[in-house]
Amino acid sequence: MSDSPAPRRGGQPGRRALRRRAVEILYEAAQRSLDPVTLLADRVGSTDADPVGDYTISLVEGVTANRERIDELLAEHAHGWSVDRMPPVDLSVLRVGVYELLWAADVPDPVAIDEAVGLARELSTDDSPRFVNGVLGRIGTIADRIRAVL
């Protein structure tokens, strides 16, 4: 999971690369038992690490600020899976996906789900895209109701 974000024309990484970077930071923080925002700050200030874009910062900070609610939703909609049992990469992908579904107003729901499925396909197991799609699809069907009470 250490590939650097692929730049688009003009040298700026695309949103998929920035999402991937957020997933990598969230995953690393979980594996090392670190606060994701602290790890993010280290990455932003480091000349050794890949650059961190504004959207990556927004995702990591947003997931961290809303993690309790995100994890409640994941536990409720991941039938047969507790958050503690989920593969760590899948959990990081799902957290970013739920954050984008519910708090990123500029990302349409189908795009948030498709991007998360794509990241699961790139970063995790063969079964992960279907799992991520199922969980986010269930949350997506009630996203408007959830957003109304956030």
Foldseek 3Di string as FASTA:
>chain_A
DQDQADADPVRHGDVLRLLLVLLVLQLVCVVVVHQSLVSVVVQCPDPPGHHHDPVSNVLSVQLSVCVVVLQVLLCVQLPPDHLVRDDSSLSSLSSSLVSCLAPVVVADNVRSQVSSLVSCVVPHDPCSSVSSNRSSVVCNVCNVVVNVVD
